[in-house]
Protein backbone atom coordinates (compact mmCIF):
# COMPACT_ATOMS: atom_id res chain seq x y z
CA MET A 1 0.38 0.23 -0.01
CA GLN A 2 2.93 2.49 -0.26
CA HIS A 3 2.75 3.06 -3.34
CA HIS A 4 -1.01 4.19 -2.67
CA SER A 5 -2.02 8.01 -2.18
CA ILE A 6 -3.21 8.49 1.22
CA LYS A 7 -6.91 9.21 -0.52
CA GLU A 8 -6.82 5.71 -2.08
CA ILE A 9 -5.67 4.09 1.06
CA ALA A 10 -8.64 5.65 2.93
CA ALA A 11 -11.00 4.65 -0.19
CA LEU A 12 -9.46 1.26 0.47
CA LEU A 13 -10.11 1.03 4.33
CA LYS A 14 -13.80 3.04 4.16
CA ASP A 15 -15.73 -0.74 3.72
CA LYS A 16 -13.12 -2.78 5.23
CA LYS A 17 -13.92 -5.64 7.89
CA THR A 18 -10.43 -6.82 8.41
CA LEU A 19 -7.32 -6.52 7.72
CA SER A 20 -4.75 -9.37 6.66
CA GLU A 21 -1.23 -9.47 8.08
CA ALA A 22 0.17 -8.42 5.00
CA GLU A 23 -2.33 -5.05 5.02
CA ARG A 24 -1.58 -4.47 8.12
CA GLN A 25 2.30 -4.85 8.37
CA HIS A 26 2.25 -2.48 4.92
CA LEU A 27 0.12 0.42 6.94
CA GLU A 28 2.22 -0.26 9.96
CA GLU A 29 5.42 0.60 8.37
CA ASP A 30 4.22 3.47 6.59
CA GLN A 31 5.97 6.24 7.98
CA ARG A 32 3.61 8.85 6.63
CA LYS A 33 1.23 10.77 9.44
CA GLY A 34 -1.58 10.40 7.61
CA VAL A 35 -1.81 6.49 7.06
CA LYS A 36 -1.34 6.44 10.60
CA SER A 37 -4.30 8.50 11.41
CA LEU A 38 -6.27 6.25 8.50
CA LEU A 39 -5.04 2.89 10.63
CA ASP A 40 -5.93 4.28 14.21
CA THR A 41 -9.23 5.81 12.96
CA TRP A 42 -10.59 2.38 11.01
CA GLU A 43 -9.09 0.29 14.50
CA ARG A 44 -11.32 2.77 16.50
CA LYS A 45 -14.33 2.01 14.42
CA ARG A 46 -13.79 -1.94 13.82
CA ALA A 47 -13.46 -2.06 17.58
CA LYS A 48 -17.11 -0.18 18.09
CA GLU A 49 -18.17 -2.52 15.69
CA LYS A 50 -17.03 -5.14 17.20
CA ALA A 51 -18.40 -4.37 20.76
CA LEU A 52 -21.94 -3.95 19.26
CA GLU A 53 -21.84 -7.37 17.45
CA THR A 54 -20.96 -8.63 20.71
CA GLN A 55 -23.78 -6.74 22.57
CA TYR A 56 -26.19 -8.18 19.79
CA GLU A 57 -25.33 -11.70 20.55
CA ARG A 58 -25.48 -11.12 24.28
CA MET A 59 -28.95 -10.05 23.73
CA LEU A 60 -29.82 -12.58 21.25
CA ALA A 61 -29.92 -14.83 24.32
CA PHE A 62 -33.63 -15.13 25.11
CA GLU A 63 -34.89 -15.80 21.47
CA GLU A 64 -32.21 -18.12 21.06
CA GLN A 65 -33.48 -20.26 24.32
CA LEU A 66 -37.21 -19.97 22.93
CA TYR A 67 -36.05 -20.62 19.19
CA THR A 68 -34.69 -24.08 20.28
CA LYS A 69 -37.89 -24.85 22.28
CA GLY A 70 -39.61 -24.55 18.91
CA TYR A 71 -41.20 -21.60 19.31
CA SER A 72 -39.94 -19.94 15.88
CA LEU A 73 -41.62 -16.59 15.85
CA VAL A 74 -40.87 -14.76 18.98
CA ALA A 75 -42.15 -11.17 19.18
CA GLY A 76 -40.73 -8.54 21.45
CA MET A 77 -42.96 -6.01 23.03
CA ASP A 78 -42.41 -2.55 24.92
CA GLU A 79 -44.21 0.34 25.10
CA ALA A 80 -43.55 4.35 25.01
CA GLY A 81 -45.48 7.00 26.55
CA ARG A 82 -46.34 6.05 30.34
CA GLY A 83 -44.97 9.71 31.43
CA PRO A 84 -46.23 12.61 29.59
CA LEU A 85 -49.22 14.92 29.98
CA ALA A 86 -50.50 15.04 26.73
CA GLY A 87 -50.71 12.17 23.73
CA PRO A 88 -51.18 8.67 23.66
CA VAL A 89 -49.33 5.71 25.25
CA VAL A 90 -48.00 3.53 21.97
CA ALA A 91 -46.66 0.02 22.28
CA ALA A 92 -45.15 -2.11 19.28
CA ALA A 93 -44.61 -5.95 19.00
CA VAL A 94 -41.77 -6.91 16.93
CA ILE A 95 -40.64 -10.25 15.74
CA ILE A 96 -36.94 -10.53 14.59
CA ASP A 97 -35.70 -12.56 11.78
CA PRO A 98 -32.73 -14.07 13.54
CA LYS A 99 -30.89 -14.82 9.67
CA GLN A 100 -30.91 -11.02 9.50
CA PRO A 101 -29.20 -8.98 12.66
CA ILE A 102 -29.89 -5.72 13.11
CA ILE A 103 -26.48 -4.07 14.79
CA GLY A 104 -26.61 -1.27 17.09
CA VAL A 105 -30.20 -2.22 18.61
CA ASN A 106 -30.98 -1.39 22.68
CA ASP A 107 -32.84 0.69 24.72
CA SER A 108 -34.59 3.74 22.76
CA LYS A 109 -34.13 5.73 25.41
CA GLN A 110 -29.77 5.18 25.19
CA LEU A 111 -30.10 5.96 21.36
CA THR A 112 -29.42 9.44 19.61
CA LYS A 113 -32.76 10.56 17.15
CA LYS A 114 -30.89 9.90 14.24
CA LEU A 115 -29.56 6.47 15.05
CA ARG A 116 -33.13 5.78 16.26
CA ARG A 117 -34.33 6.83 12.67
CA GLU A 118 -31.15 4.33 11.37
CA LEU A 119 -32.11 1.65 13.26
CA LEU A 120 -36.21 2.30 12.59
CA THR A 121 -35.50 1.88 8.66
CA GLU A 122 -33.56 -1.00 9.12
CA ILE A 123 -36.02 -2.96 11.24
CA LYS A 124 -38.56 -2.13 8.91
CA ALA A 125 -36.85 -3.92 6.31
CA LYS A 126 -35.35 -6.74 8.18
CA ALA A 127 -38.14 -7.58 10.70
CA LEU A 128 -40.77 -10.64 9.83
CA GLY A 129 -43.39 -8.81 11.58
CA ILE A 130 -44.77 -5.27 13.60
CA GLY A 131 -47.82 -4.16 15.49
CA VAL A 132 -48.19 -0.85 16.65
CA GLY A 133 -51.30 -0.20 19.09
CA MET A 134 -52.30 2.78 21.23
CA ALA A 135 -54.36 3.67 24.10
CA SER A 136 -55.63 7.33 23.49
CA ALA A 137 -55.15 10.01 26.31
CA GLN A 138 -59.36 9.98 27.04
CA GLU A 139 -58.97 6.39 27.48
CA ILE A 140 -55.96 6.81 29.76
CA ASP A 141 -57.92 8.85 31.87
CA GLU A 142 -60.87 6.56 31.85
CA VAL A 143 -58.92 3.53 32.83
CA ASN A 144 -55.28 4.77 33.93
CA ILE A 145 -52.00 4.62 32.15
CA TYR A 146 -51.52 1.15 33.93
CA GLN A 147 -54.13 -0.68 32.24
CA ALA A 148 -54.04 1.54 29.08
CA THR A 149 -50.61 0.73 28.45
CA ILE A 150 -51.71 -2.82 28.80
CA LEU A 151 -54.68 -2.25 26.36
CA ALA A 152 -52.35 -0.81 24.34
CA MET A 153 -50.05 -3.77 24.12
CA LYS A 154 -52.87 -5.95 23.20
CA ARG A 155 -53.86 -4.25 20.59
CA ALA A 156 -50.05 -4.44 18.90
CA VAL A 157 -50.43 -7.96 19.42
CA GLU A 158 -53.47 -7.84 17.37
CA ALA A 159 -51.98 -5.99 15.05
CA LEU A 160 -49.26 -8.36 14.28
CA THR A 161 -48.45 -10.63 11.08
CA PRO A 162 -48.12 -13.31 11.24
CA VAL A 163 -49.28 -14.42 14.61
CA PRO A 164 -46.08 -14.75 17.27
CA HIS A 165 -45.64 -18.16 19.07
CA TYR A 166 -44.20 -16.72 21.76
CA LEU A 167 -44.17 -12.99 23.46
CA LEU A 168 -41.17 -11.15 25.68
CA VAL A 169 -42.69 -8.43 27.32
CA ASP A 170 -40.68 -5.69 28.97
CA ALA A 171 -41.77 -5.80 32.84
CA MET A 172 -45.52 -6.50 31.75
CA THR A 173 -47.98 -9.32 31.22
CA VAL A 174 -50.79 -9.05 28.35
CA PRO A 175 -53.78 -10.22 27.81
CA VAL A 176 -53.80 -12.66 25.37
CA HIS A 177 -53.15 -16.03 24.85
CA ILE A 178 -49.74 -17.00 23.64
CA PRO A 179 -46.92 -17.38 25.71
CA GLN A 180 -44.92 -14.89 27.43
CA HIS A 181 -42.06 -13.66 29.71
CA ALA A 182 -41.84 -10.42 31.32
CA ILE A 183 -38.32 -9.40 31.68
CA THR A 184 -37.51 -6.67 34.09
CA LYS A 185 -35.61 -3.88 31.73
CA GLY A 186 -36.09 -6.10 28.81
CA ASP A 187 -35.18 -2.52 26.33
CA ALA A 188 -31.63 -3.20 27.27
CA ARG A 189 -31.33 -6.85 27.46
CA SER A 190 -33.97 -8.42 24.64
CA VAL A 191 -33.17 -7.73 21.28
CA SER A 192 -36.51 -8.13 20.21
CA ILE A 193 -37.92 -5.88 22.70
CA ALA A 194 -35.06 -3.34 21.73
CA SER A 195 -36.52 -3.05 18.39
CA ALA A 196 -40.00 -3.06 19.77
CA SER A 197 -38.67 -0.08 21.60
CA ILE A 198 -37.53 2.07 19.01
CA VAL A 199 -40.94 1.21 16.66
CA ALA A 200 -42.72 2.31 19.99
CA LYS A 201 -40.59 5.71 20.63
CA GLU A 202 -40.42 6.99 16.72
CA THR A 203 -44.02 6.01 16.25
CA ARG A 204 -44.98 8.27 19.38
CA ASP A 205 -43.18 10.63 18.77
CA ALA A 206 -44.18 10.88 14.62
CA LEU A 207 -47.74 11.07 16.23
CA MET A 208 -46.59 14.04 18.71
CA ASP A 209 -45.33 15.97 15.67
CA ASP A 210 -48.51 15.69 14.16
CA LEU A 211 -50.48 16.86 16.99
CA ALA A 212 -48.22 19.82 17.09
CA VAL A 213 -49.30 20.96 14.22
CA ARG A 214 -52.50 20.73 15.15
CA TYR A 215 -52.50 22.23 18.58
CA PRO A 216 -50.11 24.90 18.20
CA GLY A 217 -48.69 26.51 20.99
CA TYR A 218 -48.27 23.91 23.17
CA GLY A 219 -44.74 23.13 21.83
CA PHE A 220 -45.38 19.09 21.32
CA GLU A 221 -42.79 18.56 18.16
CA ASP A 222 -40.26 19.42 20.92
CA HIS A 223 -41.25 17.51 24.41
CA HIS A 224 -43.44 15.20 22.99
CA GLY A 225 -45.86 15.76 25.59
CA TYR A 226 -43.96 15.55 28.54
CA GLY A 227 -43.87 17.84 31.70
CA THR A 228 -41.46 20.41 30.58
CA ALA A 229 -41.33 23.42 31.99
CA GLU A 230 -42.40 25.26 28.67
CA HIS A 231 -45.27 22.56 28.09
CA LEU A 232 -46.55 23.67 31.64
CA GLN A 233 -46.48 27.59 30.80
CA ALA A 234 -48.38 26.68 27.65
CA ILE A 235 -50.95 24.72 29.48
CA LYS A 236 -51.58 27.34 31.75
CA THR A 237 -51.76 30.22 28.84
CA LEU A 238 -53.83 28.30 26.82
CA GLY A 239 -55.45 25.53 29.08
CA PRO A 240 -55.47 21.84 28.13
CA CYS A 241 -56.30 20.84 24.82
CA SER A 242 -58.96 17.30 24.07
CA GLU A 243 -55.23 15.65 23.77
CA HIS A 244 -54.29 16.42 27.23
CA ARG A 245 -54.42 13.62 30.22
CA MET A 246 -56.62 14.85 32.62
CA SER A 247 -56.25 12.66 35.23
CA PHE A 248 -52.10 13.86 35.26
CA SER A 249 -51.51 16.10 37.84
CA PRO A 250 -50.97 19.30 37.45
CA LEU A 251 -54.08 18.70 35.36
CA ARG A 252 -56.25 17.09 37.42
CA ARG A 253 -58.60 19.00 39.32
CA GLU A 254 -58.41 18.10 43.32
CA ASP A 255 -61.83 18.15 45.19
């Protein structure tokens, strides 16, 4: 590689997953600072990729145990939006394809918006099935947020095609006749649940962006319904809208 320009070496390294002993030796012996910088950058990138691959393999353990028991269609489930003062609670169910890894999936709260969107595109392209369900602010007020979350999850399962053989759920039980297992902090421990957390989060954020157009002035496009200082001030100024959860403090009127 010593006869290549730095630009040519950068192009060669761009999509390389591994280096042969000869290639590495040539790069290490090259005295140009630009080449050493390229090699250092490549090694850091590859180390990060390997860490994500290891993380994926670790998070696939729950699914693999079920595959060995004959449950070939395993759906992970999670929700988004239990805490906000406005908007629906959204649940998602995702059946991953073990033959098509989605490297980098994790609890949606641990990911940047840019990365969540990239992973959402990949999940949609690779998943065997995706189901989304939600419960409105009015339903939350009627039955409470816990029961509304269960309702949203039930709807997500009912919207899922194909019908899953088994459910992995983030710390909840869904009232459907499908075998299931509730996993505490499952969005950080299961690939399927993590995928569902990304779908639920991004779906809800998009819904809140739409509500921001319908109900201007509340800043839904920024805080997505959470009780920020900006949101609380908007409620004081404008009063609540039909998307606010009137059973939540400080909206709830005490008798």
